[in-house]
Every structure is written in structure tokens, then in C-alpha cells.
Amino acid sequence: MSDGPLKGLIVVETGQLIAGPFCGQLLGDMGATVIKIEPPEVGDPMRAWGQGAPVWWEVIARNKKSVSIDLRKPEGQDLARRLIDGADVLIENFRPGTLEGWGLGPDRLHQSNPGLIVVRMSGYGQTGPYSDRAGFGGIGEAMGGWRNIVGEPDRPPSRMGVSIGDALAATYGCIGALAALRHRDATGQGQVVDSALYEAVLQVMESLVPEYTATGVSRQRSGAILPGIAPSNVYPCSDGEYLIGANGEGVFRRLCEAMGRPELIDDPRYDSHAARGANQTGLDDLIANWTRALTVEGLEALMLKHGVPAGRIYKPADMLTDPHFAAREALVEMPDHPRFPGLTMQNVFPKLSATPGSVRSIAPQSVGEHNLEVLGERLGMDAADITRLQTAGVI
């Protein structure tokens, strides 16, 4: 257990659902104290999300303290402002203009806390003709170019099974916060980090736009393959599936040796990167016909023996029993969890050698669970003050 490199950093999180809270999770995992402001009684909708059981909250709200404040009420806005005045970072992912409408816009907050970093996540960014539109992760994935190239070519665009647009915007928001903190350390000056969902997606789209501007080529949906990159695919085995990536010259040579087909090395259809790309379908069929006769375990043994990059297609059950996951502590178990004993989730990444992050506390189990602790310690309120605010519906 480590306090993490961001110990002492105070973060106030006002966002809901995924982008804002995931950014808060990343900072909290690295040691920051994250005070999450939730609407009284109902809380963040993430509390009810998850397939089979509402446990997504347990991941995205770990290492956080829950304070329930109604930001639509003037007294609630005053409470939030006082908390933010003592913070280093504010996270929000409301529609642009919402914070300003509550009297919590960056210009006003910087008057009393000039070093504050305000991380703002939205669908389209804080400026531009689309900025006031509502935007969720899927919209950002569509506008950023992701959805158009995901799926089978003869079907409508598909999606990943996770909210990748939100996660990317949150990750870039976290990077922006850390960069802004570096600047603040040098100058004392805070600033706004503007992380748009569609731009976060656009950032990872490789050479999608340059290819079009240089050649007029617009990438299309290609299913399980990357056109021109071969062999690199998931291949059938007698008892499952296995991924092989052998598109490099030396690696392809080793794959041919593993297959017992050394003649393919000098076959003009496959003797160069360009040739393999041009004959991708035929090469994939050839490899698939070979792998079908092998078990996953047998194929893996051959790939390891010949040094071919390859791997199994993991499911949660595989992760829980895999020795590499265990050795790296990639998963962390919470044996004493009050609602889900033995709950296991992904650990903190990346790993730092001197000041690693950690899961120091479980997600708040009730809305406003830390009202007394946070409002008492940080704002000097006593039990009577807090009771009055609860009665008035402010917290």
C-alpha cells in the first residue's frame, strides 16, 4: 500500500456518469484526495450501473469521499465554492455553461483560488458552434472517426463493448491536469483544461486524416483485420480462438517455420510486407486451416517456441487464474467489502517504482457518506450546521 505520488493534492469532482468520474478515479488512484460532490439522495447514476450487479461504481468511485450537495441551490453553490477554494483541481463534465449558471465558472473561481486547475470534459469542447450540444461518449466516437471504421464492411458501424470515448476524454483530462499542475508549480497560475470527447477520440485515430489529405483514401470498416497488415488476426483452434500477429519480416519467417511451411517464406505472394497485405485473405485462410487442427494450448506452445507474438483471448475467468496477472498484481481483491465480499477489480496502472498508486478505500456506499468528515474538517461545520443543511435539502 502506497500513498501515491499525488498525496496531498485535493481534487473536487462535480461530474457524473463516466468521463468526469473516471478522471477523478485516475487522480485518486495516484494518491490525490478526491471529494466527489453528488446530488443529495439520488447520487451519481453510476451507482446503479453494471451488468449482473451494480459494481461499476465500486471501480470508478474508489479512493473517493462522497459529499451530497445540491448545486442548483444558492447555499449549495456556496458550499461547493468553499470546498473548491481549498482545492488544487476541479473536475466537471456538465454541458458547457452549466458551471457558469451556478456561479462556479472558472473566471469566478480563479478570483479566490488563482492556482486552481479546472478540468472540463464535454462532447464538443467549451468553444465552437457545437459546444452547447449534449454529448456522450458514443457521439464523440462517431464524430472523432472511430465508429465509421469499426465493424464488418457490409454492416452498420459497430461499437466497442466499453465506453472508450469517455475513457479517452478522461485520460486526456488527467494528462492535462498534471501538465497544468507542472505549470502552476512554476508560476502559481492555474488554468482550464478543455477535453472534448470527439478530440480525444480523434487523437488516437493514427493516420486517418493524413491518409485522406495525402491520397484521398478514407479508411473503411474491415472487421477483424487491419487492411494491408498480415498476418495479424484471431485464428480458430479445435477448442477456441487464438490471436497471432506475425506481419513483420522476421516474425513471419518464424511463423512459417512453426507451421512446417518454410516454402512460404520465399513465396512471391508472401515474401514482403506489401505482398502479404495484398494477399491478406488467402494468407489468413491458409493459417486458419493449419490452426484448426491444433488446440489453443498446443498452438501457444508452438508460438512460444518460435518466438511469434501471439496470445489467448482472455475473459474474466482467465484473468483471475492467470499467473502473470497474479505476479503483476494486475487485479486487486477486496475481501471485506460490505456488499460484495471478495469483489475483485483492475488494480492501479501504470506502476511507479518509487511511489506506486493504490486502492486505499472502497467506493462510498451511501450518498453523502463523508458529509460530516469533509464539511466538518474542511469547512469547520459542526453537527448542528450539517443537520440544518440536511433539513433544508441543501445536502
Protein backbone atom coordinates (compact mmCIF):
# COMPACT_ATOMS: atom_id res chain seq x y z
CA MET A 1 0.00 0.00 0.00
CA SER A 2 1.39 3.38 -1.02
CA ASP A 3 0.14 6.92 -0.52
CA GLY A 4 0.99 7.57 -4.17
CA PRO A 5 2.77 10.42 -5.94
CA LEU A 6 -0.22 12.79 -5.73
CA LYS A 7 -0.58 12.60 -1.95
CA GLY A 8 -1.69 16.00 -0.63
CA LEU A 9 -3.39 17.01 -3.88
CA ILE A 10 -7.03 17.99 -3.28
CA VAL A 11 -9.47 17.29 -6.09
CA VAL A 12 -13.15 18.24 -6.14
CA GLU A 13 -15.17 16.18 -8.62
CA THR A 14 -18.53 17.52 -9.73
CA GLY A 15 -19.08 15.36 -12.79
CA GLN A 16 -21.41 12.40 -13.21
CA LEU A 17 -21.52 9.16 -15.19
CA ILE A 18 -18.19 8.26 -16.82
CA ALA A 19 -15.82 10.92 -18.18
CA GLY A 20 -15.55 13.16 -15.13
CA PRO A 21 -15.59 10.34 -12.56
CA PHE A 22 -13.01 8.29 -14.47
CA CYS A 23 -10.66 11.28 -14.50
CA GLY A 24 -11.22 11.52 -10.73
CA GLN A 25 -10.51 7.80 -10.38
CA LEU A 26 -7.17 8.16 -12.15
CA LEU A 27 -6.08 11.03 -9.90
CA GLY A 28 -7.36 9.26 -6.80
CA ASP A 29 -5.57 6.04 -7.71
CA MET A 30 -2.31 8.02 -7.70
CA GLY A 31 -2.90 9.35 -4.20
CA ALA A 32 -4.98 12.51 -4.59
CA THR A 33 -7.77 13.18 -2.08
CA VAL A 34 -10.90 13.21 -4.26
CA ILE A 35 -14.04 14.82 -2.86
CA LYS A 36 -16.96 13.80 -5.03
CA ILE A 37 -19.99 16.08 -4.99
CA GLU A 38 -23.19 14.13 -5.66
CA PRO A 39 -26.83 15.25 -5.84
CA PRO A 40 -28.50 14.58 -2.45
CA GLU A 41 -30.41 11.31 -2.13
CA VAL A 42 -30.14 10.18 -5.78
CA GLY A 43 -26.37 10.41 -6.13
CA ASP A 44 -24.40 9.68 -9.27
CA PRO A 45 -26.31 7.44 -11.74
CA MET A 46 -23.19 5.26 -11.90
CA ARG A 47 -24.27 3.78 -8.57
CA ALA A 48 -26.80 1.69 -10.50
CA TRP A 49 -24.65 0.70 -13.48
CA GLY A 50 -23.15 -2.71 -14.21
CA GLN A 51 -24.14 -5.99 -15.83
CA GLY A 52 -25.36 -8.58 -13.34
CA ALA A 53 -24.71 -6.30 -10.35
CA PRO A 54 -24.18 -2.52 -9.99
CA VAL A 55 -20.44 -2.81 -9.33
CA TRP A 56 -19.08 -0.34 -11.90
CA TRP A 57 -19.45 2.27 -9.17
CA GLU A 58 -17.07 0.28 -6.98
CA VAL A 59 -14.32 0.83 -9.54
CA ILE A 60 -14.96 4.38 -10.69
CA ALA A 61 -15.60 5.76 -7.18
CA ARG A 62 -12.80 4.02 -5.29
CA ASN A 63 -10.48 6.26 -3.29
CA LYS A 64 -13.15 8.98 -3.14
CA LYS A 65 -15.17 10.72 -0.43
CA SER A 66 -18.84 11.40 -1.13
CA VAL A 67 -20.38 14.75 -0.22
CA SER A 68 -24.01 15.38 -1.14
CA ILE A 69 -24.66 18.97 -2.26
CA ASP A 70 -27.49 20.35 -4.36
CA LEU A 71 -25.65 22.60 -6.79
CA ARG A 72 -28.91 24.07 -8.02
CA LYS A 73 -29.46 25.83 -4.70
CA PRO A 74 -27.55 29.04 -3.84
CA GLU A 75 -26.47 27.70 -0.47
CA GLY A 76 -25.25 24.53 -2.12
CA GLN A 77 -23.27 26.57 -4.63
CA ASP A 78 -21.70 28.47 -1.74
CA LEU A 79 -20.69 25.21 -0.06
CA ALA A 80 -19.15 23.93 -3.29
CA ARG A 81 -17.31 27.21 -3.81
CA ARG A 82 -15.81 26.99 -0.33
CA LEU A 83 -14.64 23.44 -0.96
CA ILE A 84 -13.17 24.41 -4.32
CA ASP A 85 -11.36 27.37 -2.76
CA GLY A 86 -9.26 24.84 -0.85
CA ALA A 87 -8.70 22.52 -3.82
CA ASP A 88 -5.98 22.10 -6.40
CA VAL A 89 -8.15 20.60 -9.14
CA LEU A 90 -11.84 20.82 -10.06
CA ILE A 91 -13.28 18.18 -12.39
CA GLU A 92 -16.58 18.64 -14.22
CA ASN A 93 -18.31 17.14 -17.23
CA PHE A 94 -21.55 19.07 -17.44
CA ARG A 95 -22.77 20.73 -20.62
CA PRO A 96 -20.73 23.91 -21.22
CA GLY A 97 -22.24 26.88 -19.40
CA THR A 98 -23.70 24.84 -16.55
CA LEU A 99 -20.98 25.78 -14.05
CA GLU A 100 -21.27 29.43 -15.04
CA GLY A 101 -25.01 29.27 -14.42
CA TRP A 102 -24.30 28.09 -10.88
CA GLY A 103 -21.79 30.83 -10.23
CA LEU A 104 -18.96 28.27 -10.38
CA GLY A 105 -17.32 29.23 -13.66
CA PRO A 106 -13.51 29.30 -13.84
CA ASP A 107 -13.32 33.11 -14.03
CA ARG A 108 -15.15 33.45 -10.72
CA LEU A 109 -13.35 30.54 -9.04
CA HIS A 110 -9.93 31.91 -10.04
CA GLN A 111 -10.67 35.16 -8.22
CA SER A 112 -10.38 33.38 -4.88
CA ASN A 113 -8.20 30.44 -5.96
CA PRO A 114 -5.88 31.63 -8.75
CA GLY A 115 -3.92 28.37 -8.78
CA LEU A 116 -6.96 26.18 -9.41
CA ILE A 117 -6.85 23.72 -12.32
CA VAL A 118 -10.32 23.30 -13.84
CA VAL A 119 -10.65 20.11 -15.90
CA ARG A 120 -13.68 20.40 -18.17
CA MET A 121 -14.89 17.44 -20.20
CA SER A 122 -17.69 17.75 -22.73
CA GLY A 123 -18.80 16.31 -26.03
CA TYR A 124 -17.56 19.09 -28.27
CA GLY A 125 -15.37 21.30 -26.07
CA GLN A 126 -16.01 24.65 -24.42
CA THR A 127 -15.93 26.66 -27.66
CA GLY A 128 -17.12 26.32 -31.24
CA PRO A 129 -20.56 26.13 -32.88
CA TYR A 130 -21.38 22.72 -31.36
CA SER A 131 -20.20 23.45 -27.83
CA ASP A 132 -23.66 23.81 -26.31
CA ARG A 133 -24.88 20.46 -27.65
CA ALA A 134 -25.31 17.49 -25.34
CA GLY A 135 -22.62 14.91 -26.00
CA PHE A 136 -21.97 11.39 -24.75
CA GLY A 137 -19.10 9.02 -25.42
CA GLY A 138 -20.74 7.38 -28.42
CA ILE A 139 -21.27 10.77 -30.08
CA GLY A 140 -17.59 11.57 -29.63
CA GLU A 141 -16.63 8.19 -31.07
CA ALA A 142 -18.79 8.88 -34.13
CA MET A 143 -17.52 12.42 -34.74
CA GLY A 144 -13.90 11.54 -33.99
CA GLY A 145 -13.90 8.86 -36.71
CA TRP A 146 -13.88 5.74 -34.54
CA ARG A 147 -17.35 4.35 -35.22
CA ASN A 148 -17.05 4.62 -39.01
CA ILE A 149 -14.17 2.13 -39.15
CA VAL A 150 -15.35 -0.38 -36.50
CA GLY A 151 -17.38 -3.40 -37.58
CA GLU A 152 -17.91 -5.56 -40.62
CA PRO A 153 -17.81 -3.79 -44.02
CA ASP A 154 -21.29 -4.97 -45.03
CA ARG A 155 -22.96 -3.86 -41.78
CA PRO A 156 -23.63 -0.56 -39.99
CA PRO A 157 -20.90 0.86 -37.75
CA SER A 158 -20.37 -1.09 -34.56
CA ARG A 159 -19.03 -0.13 -31.14
CA MET A 160 -16.66 -1.47 -28.56
CA GLY A 161 -18.09 -3.17 -25.51
CA VAL A 162 -16.74 -0.39 -23.30
CA SER A 163 -17.19 3.40 -23.24
CA ILE A 164 -13.91 4.17 -24.95
CA GLY A 165 -14.77 7.79 -25.86
CA ASP A 166 -15.46 8.71 -22.25
CA ALA A 167 -12.35 6.89 -21.04
CA LEU A 168 -10.14 8.66 -23.57
CA ALA A 169 -11.53 12.11 -22.73
CA ALA A 170 -11.00 11.39 -19.03
CA THR A 171 -7.45 10.17 -19.61
CA TYR A 172 -6.55 13.27 -21.62
CA GLY A 173 -8.22 15.38 -18.95
CA CYS A 174 -5.96 13.72 -16.37
CA ILE A 175 -2.87 14.31 -18.53
CA GLY A 176 -3.91 17.93 -18.95
CA ALA A 177 -4.37 18.34 -15.20
CA LEU A 178 -0.88 17.01 -14.49
CA ALA A 179 0.65 19.26 -17.15
CA ALA A 180 -1.23 22.26 -15.76
CA LEU A 181 -0.03 21.43 -12.24
CA ARG A 182 3.55 21.45 -13.52
CA HIS A 183 2.95 24.96 -14.92
CA ARG A 184 1.32 26.05 -11.67
CA ASP A 185 4.28 24.83 -9.67
CA ALA A 186 6.49 27.12 -11.74
CA THR A 187 4.22 30.16 -11.93
CA GLY A 188 1.46 29.83 -9.32
CA GLN A 189 -1.06 30.22 -12.14
CA GLY A 190 -4.00 27.87 -12.65
CA GLN A 191 -5.79 27.29 -15.93
CA VAL A 192 -8.61 25.45 -17.70
CA VAL A 193 -8.10 22.01 -19.25
CA ASP A 194 -10.61 21.63 -22.10
CA SER A 195 -11.01 17.93 -23.01
CA ALA A 196 -13.55 17.28 -25.76
CA LEU A 197 -14.80 13.74 -26.33
CA TYR A 198 -14.53 13.90 -30.10
CA GLU A 199 -11.00 15.33 -29.96
CA ALA A 200 -9.87 12.66 -27.50
CA VAL A 201 -11.04 10.03 -29.97
CA LEU A 202 -9.51 11.90 -32.91
CA GLN A 203 -6.14 11.87 -31.12
CA VAL A 204 -5.90 8.06 -31.32
CA MET A 205 -7.06 7.74 -34.92
CA GLU A 206 -3.49 7.31 -36.16
CA SER A 207 -3.07 8.50 -39.78
CA LEU A 208 -6.79 8.53 -40.64
CA VAL A 209 -6.91 12.20 -41.70
CA PRO A 210 -3.40 12.47 -43.18
CA GLU A 211 -4.09 9.45 -45.39
CA TYR A 212 -7.14 11.20 -46.79
CA THR A 213 -5.43 14.55 -47.35
CA ALA A 214 -2.39 12.92 -48.97
CA THR A 215 -4.06 10.25 -51.12
CA GLY A 216 -7.84 10.61 -50.92
CA VAL A 217 -8.04 7.23 -49.16
CA SER A 218 -10.73 7.09 -46.47
CA ARG A 219 -10.44 4.09 -44.18
CA GLN A 220 -13.44 1.77 -44.17
CA ARG A 221 -14.76 -0.89 -41.83
CA SER A 222 -12.64 -4.01 -42.10
CA GLY A 223 -13.95 -6.35 -39.42
CA ALA A 224 -11.29 -8.28 -37.52
CA ILE A 225 -8.35 -7.20 -39.69
CA LEU A 226 -6.32 -4.11 -40.44
CA PRO A 227 -6.14 -3.92 -44.24
CA GLY A 228 -2.61 -4.49 -45.50
CA ILE A 229 -1.31 -5.76 -42.15
CA ALA A 230 -0.91 -9.53 -42.43
CA PRO A 231 -0.89 -11.95 -40.87
CA SER A 232 -2.49 -10.34 -37.83
CA ASN A 233 -5.77 -11.89 -36.84
CA VAL A 234 -7.66 -14.19 -34.50
CA TYR A 235 -7.50 -17.76 -35.76
CA PRO A 236 -9.70 -20.78 -34.91
CA CYS A 237 -8.42 -23.70 -32.90
CA SER A 238 -10.10 -27.02 -32.18
CA ASP A 239 -11.13 -25.75 -28.73
CA GLY A 240 -11.17 -21.97 -29.02
CA GLU A 241 -9.51 -19.00 -30.69
CA TYR A 242 -6.01 -17.55 -30.63
CA LEU A 243 -4.52 -14.25 -31.77
CA ILE A 244 -1.35 -14.21 -33.87
CA GLY A 245 0.50 -11.08 -35.00
CA ALA A 246 3.29 -12.00 -37.43
CA ASN A 247 3.31 -9.24 -40.02
CA GLY A 248 7.00 -8.34 -39.60
CA GLU A 249 9.59 -9.99 -41.85
CA GLY A 250 11.49 -11.92 -39.18
CA VAL A 251 8.35 -12.87 -37.29
CA PHE A 252 6.63 -14.15 -40.43
CA ARG A 253 9.67 -16.30 -41.14
CA ARG A 254 9.42 -17.83 -37.67
CA LEU A 255 5.68 -18.43 -38.10
CA CYS A 256 6.32 -20.30 -41.34
CA GLU A 257 8.88 -22.48 -39.56
CA ALA A 258 6.39 -23.16 -36.75
CA MET A 259 3.81 -24.20 -39.35
CA GLY A 260 6.27 -26.54 -41.05
CA ARG A 261 5.84 -24.47 -44.22
CA PRO A 262 9.27 -22.90 -44.86
CA GLU A 263 8.48 -22.61 -48.58
CA LEU A 264 6.03 -19.79 -47.79
CA ILE A 265 8.95 -17.54 -46.80
CA ASP A 266 10.03 -17.13 -50.43
CA ASP A 267 6.58 -17.45 -51.98
CA PRO A 268 6.10 -14.25 -54.05
CA ARG A 269 2.60 -13.89 -52.58
CA TYR A 270 4.02 -13.56 -49.08
CA ASP A 271 7.71 -12.61 -49.34
CA SER A 272 7.25 -8.95 -48.38
CA HIS A 273 5.02 -6.79 -46.20
CA ALA A 274 3.29 -5.39 -49.29
CA ALA A 275 2.77 -8.83 -50.82
CA ARG A 276 1.29 -10.26 -47.63
CA GLY A 277 -1.03 -7.26 -47.41
CA ALA A 278 -2.16 -7.70 -51.00
CA ASN A 279 -2.88 -11.39 -50.38
CA GLN A 280 -4.23 -10.99 -46.87
CA THR A 281 -7.40 -13.07 -47.23
CA GLY A 282 -5.64 -16.03 -48.78
CA LEU A 283 -2.89 -15.93 -46.15
CA ASP A 284 -5.41 -15.78 -43.29
CA ASP A 285 -7.27 -18.75 -44.77
CA LEU A 286 -4.05 -20.71 -45.07
CA ILE A 287 -3.11 -20.08 -41.44
CA ALA A 288 -6.65 -20.79 -40.21
CA ASN A 289 -6.65 -24.17 -41.96
CA TRP A 290 -3.49 -25.01 -40.03
CA THR A 291 -4.63 -23.75 -36.61
CA ARG A 292 -7.97 -25.58 -36.77
CA ALA A 293 -6.15 -28.85 -36.17
CA LEU A 294 -4.45 -27.56 -33.02
CA THR A 295 -5.67 -26.89 -29.51
CA VAL A 296 -5.13 -23.43 -28.03
CA GLU A 297 -2.54 -24.90 -25.67
CA GLY A 298 -0.73 -26.68 -28.48
CA LEU A 299 -0.70 -23.59 -30.70
CA GLU A 300 0.54 -21.44 -27.84
CA ALA A 301 3.42 -23.85 -27.19
CA LEU A 302 4.48 -23.56 -30.83
CA MET A 303 4.26 -19.76 -30.82
CA LEU A 304 6.37 -19.56 -27.67
CA LYS A 305 8.94 -22.00 -29.03
CA HIS A 306 9.38 -19.98 -32.23
CA GLY A 307 9.10 -16.52 -30.69
CA VAL A 308 5.96 -15.46 -32.54
CA PRO A 309 3.90 -12.69 -30.85
CA ALA A 310 0.57 -14.32 -30.01
CA GLY A 311 -1.88 -14.65 -27.18
CA ARG A 312 -5.12 -16.06 -25.87
CA ILE A 313 -8.42 -14.19 -25.95
CA TYR A 314 -8.99 -13.53 -22.24
CA LYS A 315 -12.26 -13.48 -20.34
CA PRO A 316 -12.62 -12.51 -16.65
CA ALA A 317 -12.30 -16.13 -15.53
CA ASP A 318 -8.98 -16.40 -17.38
CA MET A 319 -7.67 -13.22 -15.78
CA LEU A 320 -8.49 -14.45 -12.29
CA THR A 321 -6.46 -17.64 -12.74
CA ASP A 322 -3.60 -16.40 -14.92
CA PRO A 323 -0.15 -16.50 -13.21
CA HIS A 324 1.05 -13.33 -14.96
CA PHE A 325 -1.94 -11.33 -13.70
CA ALA A 326 -1.15 -12.66 -10.23
CA ALA A 327 2.57 -11.94 -10.37
CA ARG A 328 1.96 -8.39 -11.59
CA GLU A 329 -0.92 -7.82 -9.14
CA ALA A 330 -3.00 -6.63 -12.07
CA LEU A 331 -6.15 -7.37 -10.09
CA VAL A 332 -6.94 -6.32 -6.53
CA GLU A 333 -9.35 -8.13 -4.24
CA MET A 334 -11.48 -6.51 -1.54
CA PRO A 335 -12.26 -9.42 0.79
CA ASP A 336 -14.07 -7.33 3.41
CA HIS A 337 -16.33 -5.38 1.06
CA PRO A 338 -19.64 -4.84 2.92
CA ARG A 339 -21.90 -5.55 -0.08
CA PHE A 340 -19.79 -7.71 -2.38
CA PRO A 341 -17.32 -9.75 -0.27
CA GLY A 342 -14.31 -10.78 -2.34
CA LEU A 343 -15.03 -8.18 -5.03
CA THR A 344 -12.09 -8.10 -7.42
CA MET A 345 -11.26 -5.35 -9.91
CA GLN A 346 -8.43 -3.94 -12.00
CA ASN A 347 -5.58 -2.51 -9.95
CA VAL A 348 -3.89 0.87 -10.38
CA PHE A 349 -1.91 1.49 -13.58
CA PRO A 350 0.70 2.46 -14.63
CA LYS A 351 3.03 1.08 -11.99
CA LEU A 352 5.54 3.50 -10.48
CA SER A 353 8.71 2.07 -8.96
CA ALA A 354 9.09 4.54 -6.08
CA THR A 355 5.60 5.92 -5.38
CA PRO A 356 3.02 3.49 -6.78
CA GLY A 357 -0.65 4.29 -6.55
CA SER A 358 -3.07 2.03 -4.72
CA VAL A 359 -6.68 1.31 -3.89
CA ARG A 360 -6.78 2.78 -0.40
CA SER A 361 -10.52 2.81 0.18
CA ILE A 362 -13.66 1.33 -1.33
CA ALA A 363 -16.23 3.46 -3.12
CA PRO A 364 -18.62 5.39 -0.86
CA GLN A 365 -21.53 3.08 -0.10
CA SER A 366 -24.06 5.84 0.57
CA VAL A 367 -24.68 9.27 -0.92
CA GLY A 368 -23.09 11.91 1.30
CA GLU A 369 -21.29 9.28 3.35
CA HIS A 370 -18.50 11.73 4.18
CA ASN A 371 -20.55 14.90 4.73
CA LEU A 372 -19.61 15.22 8.37
CA GLU A 373 -15.95 14.41 7.79
CA VAL A 374 -15.42 16.69 4.80
CA LEU A 375 -17.65 19.60 5.71
CA GLY A 376 -16.52 19.42 9.31
CA GLU A 377 -12.78 19.18 8.70
CA ARG A 378 -12.53 21.41 5.65
CA LEU A 379 -15.23 23.99 6.29
CA GLY A 380 -15.37 23.90 10.09
CA MET A 381 -19.02 22.92 10.28
CA ASP A 382 -20.42 21.14 13.32
CA ALA A 383 -23.19 18.56 13.53
CA ALA A 384 -25.85 21.24 14.02
CA ASP A 385 -24.78 23.07 10.85
CA ILE A 386 -24.91 19.85 8.86
CA THR A 387 -28.31 18.87 10.28
CA ARG A 388 -29.72 22.27 9.30
CA LEU A 389 -28.43 21.86 5.74
CA GLN A 390 -29.89 18.36 5.51
CA THR A 391 -33.27 19.61 6.71
CA ALA A 392 -33.19 22.36 4.10
CA GLY A 393 -32.35 19.85 1.36
CA VAL A 394 -29.04 21.56 0.56
CA ILE A 395 -27.05 18.41 1.34
